[in-house]
Amino acid sequence: MFFMTRQNLTVGLLSSFALFTSFCSSAATIDEKMTKQAARIEQGIEQGELTDREAQRLQKEQEKIEVKKDKYENDGKLSSGEKAKLRKMQAKQSKEIYKQKNDWQDTK
């Protein structure tokens, strides 16, 4: 009986730890995605794949996502719904970055 209680406690602690690390890593994942997208925009500028206008629009959208993230984090945490909205915005932005970098317009 004691073993069963101890086992349940261990499983509970591991589950709590997994949930906590999942929460922390999702916020980090959102930040990592923001960093990678900003780097892709900079790379597009440096390699002449983005016009000034395209780069400005993409950077403005990045800023909108960052402002939204800051607003959501204002209460100290991101809800699952807020994370989903941010991921959706980031996915849309990622597609737009790809589209603009590969649209055959260049600065040359």
N, C-alpha and C. Protein backbone atom coordinates (compact mmCIF):
# COMPACT_ATOMS: atom_id res chain seq x y z
N MET A 1 0.83 -1.19 0.00
CA MET A 1 0.00 0.00 0.00
C MET A 1 0.87 1.26 0.00
N PHE A 2 1.91 1.25 0.82
CA PHE A 2 2.83 2.40 0.86
C PHE A 2 3.51 2.59 -0.49
N PHE A 3 3.90 1.50 -1.14
CA PHE A 3 4.53 1.57 -2.45
C PHE A 3 3.60 2.21 -3.47
N MET A 4 2.34 1.85 -3.45
CA MET A 4 1.37 2.39 -4.38
C MET A 4 1.23 3.91 -4.16
N THR A 5 1.17 4.35 -2.94
CA THR A 5 1.05 5.78 -2.65
C THR A 5 2.31 6.51 -3.11
N ARG A 6 3.43 5.93 -2.83
CA ARG A 6 4.70 6.54 -3.24
C ARG A 6 4.78 6.61 -4.77
N GLN A 7 4.35 5.56 -5.43
CA GLN A 7 4.36 5.53 -6.90
C GLN A 7 3.42 6.60 -7.45
N ASN A 8 2.24 6.73 -6.88
CA ASN A 8 1.29 7.75 -7.32
C ASN A 8 1.86 9.14 -7.11
N LEU A 9 2.55 9.34 -6.00
CA LEU A 9 3.17 10.64 -5.73
C LEU A 9 4.24 10.94 -6.78
N THR A 10 5.04 9.94 -7.11
CA THR A 10 6.09 10.11 -8.11
C THR A 10 5.50 10.44 -9.47
N VAL A 11 4.46 9.72 -9.84
CA VAL A 11 3.80 9.98 -11.12
C VAL A 11 3.20 11.38 -11.13
N GLY A 12 2.60 11.78 -10.03
CA GLY A 12 2.02 13.12 -9.92
C GLY A 12 3.07 14.21 -10.06
N LEU A 13 4.20 14.02 -9.39
CA LEU A 13 5.28 15.00 -9.47
C LEU A 13 5.86 15.09 -10.88
N LEU A 14 6.04 13.94 -11.50
CA LEU A 14 6.56 13.94 -12.86
C LEU A 14 5.59 14.61 -13.83
N SER A 15 4.31 14.37 -13.64
CA SER A 15 3.30 15.00 -14.49
C SER A 15 3.30 16.51 -14.30
N SER A 16 3.41 16.95 -13.05
CA SER A 16 3.45 18.39 -12.77
C SER A 16 4.68 19.03 -13.39
N PHE A 17 5.82 18.34 -13.28
CA PHE A 17 7.05 18.86 -13.86
C PHE A 17 6.93 18.96 -15.38
N ALA A 18 6.36 17.93 -16.01
CA ALA A 18 6.19 17.93 -17.46
C ALA A 18 5.28 19.07 -17.90
N LEU A 19 4.21 19.29 -17.14
CA LEU A 19 3.29 20.38 -17.47
C LEU A 19 3.99 21.73 -17.33
N PHE A 20 4.77 21.90 -16.26
CA PHE A 20 5.49 23.15 -16.04
C PHE A 20 6.51 23.40 -17.14
N THR A 21 7.28 22.39 -17.49
CA THR A 21 8.28 22.58 -18.53
C THR A 21 7.62 22.80 -19.88
N SER A 22 6.47 22.20 -20.10
CA SER A 22 5.73 22.43 -21.34
C SER A 22 5.30 23.88 -21.43
N PHE A 23 4.82 24.44 -20.32
CA PHE A 23 4.40 25.84 -20.31
C PHE A 23 5.59 26.75 -20.58
N CYS A 24 6.69 26.50 -19.90
CA CYS A 24 7.89 27.34 -20.08
C CYS A 24 8.45 27.21 -21.48
N SER A 25 8.48 26.01 -22.01
CA SER A 25 9.06 25.82 -23.32
C SER A 25 8.18 26.40 -24.41
N SER A 26 6.86 26.45 -24.22
CA SER A 26 6.01 27.04 -25.26
C SER A 26 6.24 28.54 -25.36
N ALA A 27 6.45 29.19 -24.22
CA ALA A 27 6.77 30.62 -24.26
C ALA A 27 8.13 30.82 -24.92
N ALA A 28 9.08 29.94 -24.60
CA ALA A 28 10.40 30.03 -25.22
C ALA A 28 10.29 29.74 -26.72
N THR A 29 9.46 28.80 -27.08
CA THR A 29 9.29 28.47 -28.49
C THR A 29 8.74 29.66 -29.26
N ILE A 30 7.81 30.37 -28.68
CA ILE A 30 7.26 31.57 -29.33
C ILE A 30 8.36 32.61 -29.50
N ASP A 31 9.15 32.81 -28.46
CA ASP A 31 10.26 33.77 -28.55
C ASP A 31 11.30 33.33 -29.56
N GLU A 32 11.60 32.04 -29.57
CA GLU A 32 12.57 31.52 -30.54
C GLU A 32 12.08 31.72 -31.97
N LYS A 33 10.79 31.49 -32.19
CA LYS A 33 10.21 31.67 -33.53
C LYS A 33 10.31 33.14 -33.93
N MET A 34 10.04 34.05 -33.00
CA MET A 34 10.15 35.48 -33.30
C MET A 34 11.58 35.83 -33.71
N THR A 35 12.54 35.29 -32.99
CA THR A 35 13.94 35.56 -33.28
C THR A 35 14.32 35.02 -34.66
N LYS A 36 13.89 33.79 -34.96
CA LYS A 36 14.21 33.18 -36.25
C LYS A 36 13.55 33.95 -37.40
N GLN A 37 12.32 34.40 -37.20
CA GLN A 37 11.65 35.14 -38.26
C GLN A 37 12.32 36.49 -38.50
N ALA A 38 12.73 37.15 -37.43
CA ALA A 38 13.44 38.42 -37.59
C ALA A 38 14.76 38.20 -38.34
N ALA A 39 15.43 37.09 -38.05
CA ALA A 39 16.68 36.77 -38.74
C ALA A 39 16.43 36.49 -40.22
N ARG A 40 15.32 35.82 -40.53
CA ARG A 40 14.99 35.54 -41.94
C ARG A 40 14.74 36.84 -42.70
N ILE A 41 14.10 37.80 -42.04
CA ILE A 41 13.85 39.09 -42.68
C ILE A 41 15.18 39.81 -42.92
N GLU A 42 16.04 39.82 -41.92
CA GLU A 42 17.35 40.45 -42.07
C GLU A 42 18.16 39.80 -43.17
N GLN A 43 18.11 38.48 -43.23
CA GLN A 43 18.82 37.75 -44.28
C GLN A 43 18.28 38.15 -45.65
N GLY A 44 16.96 38.28 -45.76
CA GLY A 44 16.35 38.69 -47.02
C GLY A 44 16.79 40.07 -47.45
N ILE A 45 16.96 40.96 -46.48
CA ILE A 45 17.43 42.32 -46.78
C ILE A 45 18.88 42.26 -47.26
N GLU A 46 19.71 41.55 -46.51
CA GLU A 46 21.14 41.46 -46.84
C GLU A 46 21.39 40.81 -48.20
N GLN A 47 20.59 39.81 -48.54
CA GLN A 47 20.80 39.09 -49.79
C GLN A 47 20.02 39.70 -50.96
N GLY A 48 19.34 40.80 -50.72
CA GLY A 48 18.61 41.46 -51.78
C GLY A 48 17.33 40.74 -52.21
N GLU A 49 16.83 39.86 -51.38
CA GLU A 49 15.62 39.12 -51.70
C GLU A 49 14.35 39.91 -51.35
N LEU A 50 14.50 40.92 -50.51
CA LEU A 50 13.37 41.75 -50.10
C LEU A 50 13.60 43.20 -50.51
N THR A 51 12.57 43.82 -51.05
CA THR A 51 12.65 45.25 -51.32
C THR A 51 12.50 45.97 -49.98
N ASP A 52 12.82 47.25 -49.97
CA ASP A 52 12.67 48.03 -48.74
C ASP A 52 11.23 47.99 -48.24
N ARG A 53 10.30 48.12 -49.16
CA ARG A 53 8.88 48.13 -48.81
C ARG A 53 8.44 46.79 -48.21
N GLU A 54 8.87 45.70 -48.84
CA GLU A 54 8.54 44.37 -48.32
C GLU A 54 9.10 44.18 -46.91
N ALA A 55 10.36 44.57 -46.74
CA ALA A 55 11.01 44.42 -45.44
C ALA A 55 10.29 45.24 -44.37
N GLN A 56 9.90 46.45 -44.71
CA GLN A 56 9.20 47.30 -43.74
C GLN A 56 7.87 46.68 -43.33
N ARG A 57 7.13 46.14 -44.31
CA ARG A 57 5.85 45.51 -44.00
C ARG A 57 6.04 44.28 -43.10
N LEU A 58 7.03 43.48 -43.43
CA LEU A 58 7.29 42.28 -42.62
C LEU A 58 7.73 42.64 -41.21
N GLN A 59 8.59 43.65 -41.09
CA GLN A 59 9.04 44.07 -39.76
C GLN A 59 7.89 44.67 -38.95
N LYS A 60 7.01 45.39 -39.61
CA LYS A 60 5.85 45.96 -38.93
C LYS A 60 4.94 44.85 -38.39
N GLU A 61 4.77 43.80 -39.17
CA GLU A 61 3.96 42.67 -38.71
C GLU A 61 4.63 41.95 -37.55
N GLN A 62 5.96 41.84 -37.59
CA GLN A 62 6.69 41.25 -36.46
C GLN A 62 6.43 42.05 -35.19
N GLU A 63 6.45 43.36 -35.33
CA GLU A 63 6.21 44.23 -34.17
C GLU A 63 4.79 44.04 -33.63
N LYS A 64 3.82 43.87 -34.53
CA LYS A 64 2.44 43.64 -34.09
C LYS A 64 2.34 42.36 -33.27
N ILE A 65 3.01 41.33 -33.72
CA ILE A 65 2.99 40.06 -33.00
C ILE A 65 3.64 40.23 -31.63
N GLU A 66 4.74 40.95 -31.58
CA GLU A 66 5.45 41.18 -30.32
C GLU A 66 4.58 41.98 -29.35
N VAL A 67 3.89 43.00 -29.84
CA VAL A 67 3.00 43.80 -29.00
C VAL A 67 1.87 42.93 -28.46
N LYS A 68 1.31 42.09 -29.32
CA LYS A 68 0.23 41.20 -28.90
C LYS A 68 0.73 40.23 -27.83
N LYS A 69 1.93 39.70 -28.02
CA LYS A 69 2.51 38.78 -27.04
C LYS A 69 2.71 39.48 -25.70
N ASP A 70 3.24 40.70 -25.73
CA ASP A 70 3.44 41.47 -24.50
C ASP A 70 2.11 41.73 -23.80
N LYS A 71 1.08 42.03 -24.58
CA LYS A 71 -0.25 42.27 -24.01
C LYS A 71 -0.77 41.02 -23.32
N TYR A 72 -0.61 39.89 -24.00
CA TYR A 72 -1.07 38.62 -23.42
C TYR A 72 -0.29 38.26 -22.15
N GLU A 73 0.99 38.59 -22.12
CA GLU A 73 1.83 38.26 -20.96
C GLU A 73 1.67 39.26 -19.83
N ASN A 74 0.87 40.28 -20.02
CA ASN A 74 0.70 41.33 -19.03
C ASN A 74 0.25 40.78 -17.68
N ASP A 75 -0.53 39.70 -17.68
CA ASP A 75 -1.00 39.11 -16.43
C ASP A 75 -0.02 38.06 -15.89
N GLY A 76 1.12 37.92 -16.54
CA GLY A 76 2.16 37.03 -16.05
C GLY A 76 2.19 35.66 -16.68
N LYS A 77 1.21 35.35 -17.52
CA LYS A 77 1.21 34.02 -18.15
C LYS A 77 0.47 34.07 -19.47
N LEU A 78 0.73 33.08 -20.30
CA LEU A 78 0.03 32.94 -21.57
C LEU A 78 -0.96 31.78 -21.44
N SER A 79 -2.21 32.04 -21.74
CA SER A 79 -3.19 30.95 -21.73
C SER A 79 -3.00 30.11 -22.99
N SER A 80 -3.60 28.95 -23.00
CA SER A 80 -3.47 28.08 -24.18
C SER A 80 -4.10 28.75 -25.40
N GLY A 81 -5.18 29.48 -25.21
CA GLY A 81 -5.81 30.20 -26.31
C GLY A 81 -4.92 31.31 -26.86
N GLU A 82 -4.25 32.01 -25.95
CA GLU A 82 -3.34 33.08 -26.37
C GLU A 82 -2.14 32.51 -27.12
N LYS A 83 -1.62 31.38 -26.64
CA LYS A 83 -0.51 30.73 -27.33
C LYS A 83 -0.94 30.31 -28.74
N ALA A 84 -2.14 29.77 -28.84
CA ALA A 84 -2.64 29.33 -30.15
C ALA A 84 -2.76 30.51 -31.10
N LYS A 85 -3.27 31.64 -30.61
CA LYS A 85 -3.40 32.83 -31.46
C LYS A 85 -2.03 33.32 -31.92
N LEU A 86 -1.06 33.33 -31.01
CA LEU A 86 0.29 33.77 -31.37
C LEU A 86 0.92 32.82 -32.39
N ARG A 87 0.75 31.52 -32.18
CA ARG A 87 1.30 30.55 -33.14
C ARG A 87 0.66 30.73 -34.51
N LYS A 88 -0.63 31.00 -34.55
CA LYS A 88 -1.32 31.22 -35.82
C LYS A 88 -0.78 32.47 -36.51
N MET A 89 -0.58 33.54 -35.75
CA MET A 89 -0.02 34.76 -36.32
C MET A 89 1.39 34.51 -36.85
N GLN A 90 2.17 33.74 -36.08
CA GLN A 90 3.54 33.44 -36.50
C GLN A 90 3.56 32.57 -37.75
N ALA A 91 2.64 31.62 -37.84
CA ALA A 91 2.59 30.76 -39.02
C ALA A 91 2.25 31.57 -40.26
N LYS A 92 1.30 32.48 -40.11
CA LYS A 92 0.93 33.36 -41.23
C LYS A 92 2.12 34.23 -41.63
N GLN A 93 2.81 34.77 -40.65
CA GLN A 93 3.97 35.61 -40.92
C GLN A 93 5.08 34.80 -41.59
N SER A 94 5.29 33.58 -41.16
CA SER A 94 6.31 32.73 -41.76
C SER A 94 6.02 32.51 -43.25
N LYS A 95 4.78 32.24 -43.57
CA LYS A 95 4.39 32.06 -44.98
C LYS A 95 4.61 33.34 -45.78
N GLU A 96 4.31 34.46 -45.16
CA GLU A 96 4.47 35.75 -45.85
C GLU A 96 5.95 36.05 -46.08
N ILE A 97 6.79 35.75 -45.11
CA ILE A 97 8.23 35.95 -45.28
C ILE A 97 8.72 35.11 -46.45
N TYR A 98 8.32 33.84 -46.48
CA TYR A 98 8.73 32.96 -47.58
C TYR A 98 8.26 33.51 -48.92
N LYS A 99 7.00 33.90 -48.96
CA LYS A 99 6.41 34.42 -50.21
C LYS A 99 7.17 35.64 -50.71
N GLN A 100 7.45 36.58 -49.82
CA GLN A 100 8.12 37.81 -50.22
C GLN A 100 9.58 37.56 -50.61
N LYS A 101 10.23 36.64 -49.94
CA LYS A 101 11.63 36.36 -50.27
C LYS A 101 11.76 35.62 -51.60
N ASN A 102 10.68 34.98 -52.04
CA ASN A 102 10.75 34.15 -53.24
C ASN A 102 9.83 34.65 -54.36
N ASP A 103 9.51 35.93 -54.38
CA ASP A 103 8.57 36.45 -55.36
C ASP A 103 9.25 37.06 -56.60
N TRP A 104 10.50 36.80 -56.76
CA TRP A 104 11.26 37.24 -57.93
C TRP A 104 11.50 38.73 -57.98
N GLN A 105 11.08 39.46 -56.97
CA GLN A 105 11.46 40.87 -56.90
C GLN A 105 12.75 40.93 -56.13
N ASP A 106 13.64 41.73 -56.56
CA ASP A 106 14.86 41.91 -55.80
C ASP A 106 15.27 43.37 -55.84
N THR A 107 16.26 43.69 -55.05
CA THR A 107 16.69 45.08 -54.93
C THR A 107 17.80 45.42 -55.91
N LYS A 108 18.20 44.47 -56.74
CA LYS A 108 19.33 44.70 -57.66
C LYS A 108 18.89 45.40 -58.91
